[in-house]
Structures are given as structure tokens and as C-alpha cells.
């Protein structure tokens, strides 16, 4: 198992685990659904929407890894840094620094 001293060191590895454009697209879709679920829960006061957040976030991402990348999601080995990586990559997609 690869160990990393910092998130800055981990993030290039994280991007390398997401080379396939379809995997990145699934990550982006899942993260967008996470945000939508949180917004819906807050806006409606129906906290049951929050169950959708981990299902959408991890579900879409894991399909991308198992179906397209053919690798184990980084979250299995580095859960916190992987979660951070998801949102950094999401922001970089929005800013055009990572292509979908």
C-alpha cells in the first residue's frame, strides 16, 4: 500500500486513478447528486434526502472504477484524502482544469 505524507502528495496519485473520462464523468455526476441531495434536504427540511448523498457519491464513483478504470477505488485505502480528492477534482472540472 502506498503511503503519502500530505494531500498534495496524494492528489497526483488520485488523478492517476481517474484516467478514464467515463470514470471522471461518473464521479462528477455522483458529486452533483450529492450536492442536490444536501440542498433538497436543507430546502425542504426532509432529512431523508441525505441518505441519497453517500449512495449517489460512492455508487457512481465505484461503478466508474470497477467498470472503466478496472481498479479499486482509492477510498478503500485512503478514505479522507479520497473524499477530499473528489471535491478538488469536481472544482477543477468546473474550472476547466480537468476535462470530462
Protein backbone atom coordinates (compact mmCIF):
# COMPACT_ATOMS: atom_id res chain seq x y z
CA UNK A 1 0.00 0.00 0.00
CA UNK A 2 1.33 3.41 -0.96
CA UNK A 3 1.63 5.92 1.87
CA UNK A 4 1.50 9.67 1.38
CA UNK A 5 2.81 12.38 3.67
CA UNK A 6 0.28 15.01 2.54
CA UNK A 7 -2.77 15.61 0.38
CA UNK A 8 -0.55 17.50 -2.05
CA UNK A 9 1.46 14.30 -2.47
CA UNK A 10 -1.69 12.15 -2.71
CA UNK A 11 -3.61 14.19 -5.30
CA UNK A 12 -1.46 13.32 -8.37
CA UNK A 13 -1.93 9.64 -7.44
CA UNK A 14 -5.67 10.28 -7.13
CA UNK A 15 -5.83 11.84 -10.60
CA UNK A 16 -3.86 8.91 -11.97
CA UNK A 17 -6.56 6.58 -10.68
CA UNK A 18 -9.09 8.56 -12.77
CA UNK A 19 -7.55 8.46 -16.24
CA UNK A 20 -10.69 7.18 -17.94
CA UNK A 21 -13.00 10.02 -18.93
CA UNK A 22 -16.11 7.90 -18.24
CA UNK A 23 -14.98 7.35 -14.66
CA UNK A 24 -14.46 11.09 -14.17
CA UNK A 25 -17.90 11.74 -15.65
CA UNK A 26 -19.49 9.29 -13.25
CA UNK A 27 -17.65 10.91 -10.34
CA UNK A 28 -18.90 14.32 -11.45
CA UNK A 29 -22.49 13.08 -11.81
CA UNK A 30 -22.39 11.42 -8.39
CA UNK A 31 -20.92 14.51 -6.72
CA UNK A 32 -23.55 16.71 -8.36
CA UNK A 33 -26.27 14.41 -6.99
CA UNK A 34 -24.67 14.63 -3.54
CA UNK A 35 -24.94 18.42 -3.67
CA UNK A 36 -28.52 18.20 -4.93
CA UNK A 37 -29.49 15.81 -2.11
CA UNK A 38 -27.99 18.13 0.51
CA UNK A 39 -29.72 21.18 -0.98
CA UNK A 40 -33.05 19.34 -1.14
CA UNK A 41 -32.71 18.19 2.47
CA UNK A 42 -31.99 21.74 3.65
CA UNK A 43 -34.63 23.40 1.45
CA UNK A 44 -37.44 21.01 2.32
CA UNK A 45 -36.45 20.06 5.86
CA UNK A 46 -36.84 16.43 4.79
CA UNK A 47 -33.61 14.99 6.08
CA UNK A 48 -34.36 11.63 4.47
CA UNK A 49 -32.87 13.11 1.26
CA UNK A 50 -29.47 12.80 2.91
CA UNK A 51 -29.46 9.01 2.50
CA UNK A 52 -29.03 9.67 -1.21
CA UNK A 53 -25.72 11.51 -0.71
CA UNK A 54 -23.43 8.54 0.05
CA UNK A 55 -25.37 6.21 -2.27
CA UNK A 56 -25.02 8.60 -5.23
CA UNK A 57 -21.50 9.73 -4.41
CA UNK A 58 -19.95 6.33 -3.84
CA UNK A 59 -22.27 4.40 -6.15
CA UNK A 60 -21.45 6.39 -9.27
CA UNK A 61 -17.76 6.55 -8.44
CA UNK A 62 -17.42 2.83 -7.75
CA UNK A 63 -19.20 1.92 -10.98
CA UNK A 64 -16.66 4.10 -12.78
CA UNK A 65 -13.75 2.35 -11.10
CA UNK A 66 -14.95 -1.22 -11.46
CA UNK A 67 -16.44 -0.87 -14.99
CA UNK A 68 -13.98 1.50 -16.66
CA UNK A 69 -10.80 2.05 -14.67
CA UNK A 70 -10.58 -1.60 -13.60
CA UNK A 71 -9.04 -0.56 -10.29
CA UNK A 72 -10.01 -0.41 -6.63
CA UNK A 73 -11.32 3.00 -5.56
CA UNK A 74 -8.75 4.99 -3.58
CA UNK A 75 -11.37 5.45 -0.88
CA UNK A 76 -10.75 1.85 0.24
CA UNK A 77 -7.17 2.71 1.21
CA UNK A 78 -7.30 6.48 1.77
CA UNK A 79 -10.90 7.41 2.65
CA UNK A 80 -10.39 11.00 3.84
CA UNK A 81 -7.91 12.04 1.16
CA UNK A 82 -10.04 10.34 -1.47
CA UNK A 83 -13.11 12.31 -0.37
CA UNK A 84 -11.04 15.50 -0.49
CA UNK A 85 -9.76 14.47 -3.92
CA UNK A 86 -13.32 14.03 -5.19
CA UNK A 87 -14.19 17.62 -4.34
CA UNK A 88 -10.90 19.07 -5.58
CA UNK A 89 -11.40 17.24 -8.88
CA UNK A 90 -15.04 18.40 -9.01
CA UNK A 91 -13.94 22.02 -8.57
CA UNK A 92 -11.20 21.59 -11.16
CA UNK A 93 -13.72 20.18 -13.65
CA UNK A 94 -15.94 23.23 -13.08
CA UNK A 95 -12.94 25.50 -13.68
CA UNK A 96 -11.84 23.60 -16.80
CA UNK A 97 -8.58 22.32 -15.29
CA UNK A 98 -9.68 18.67 -15.50
CA UNK A 99 -11.55 17.55 -18.61
CA UNK A 100 -14.68 15.43 -18.60
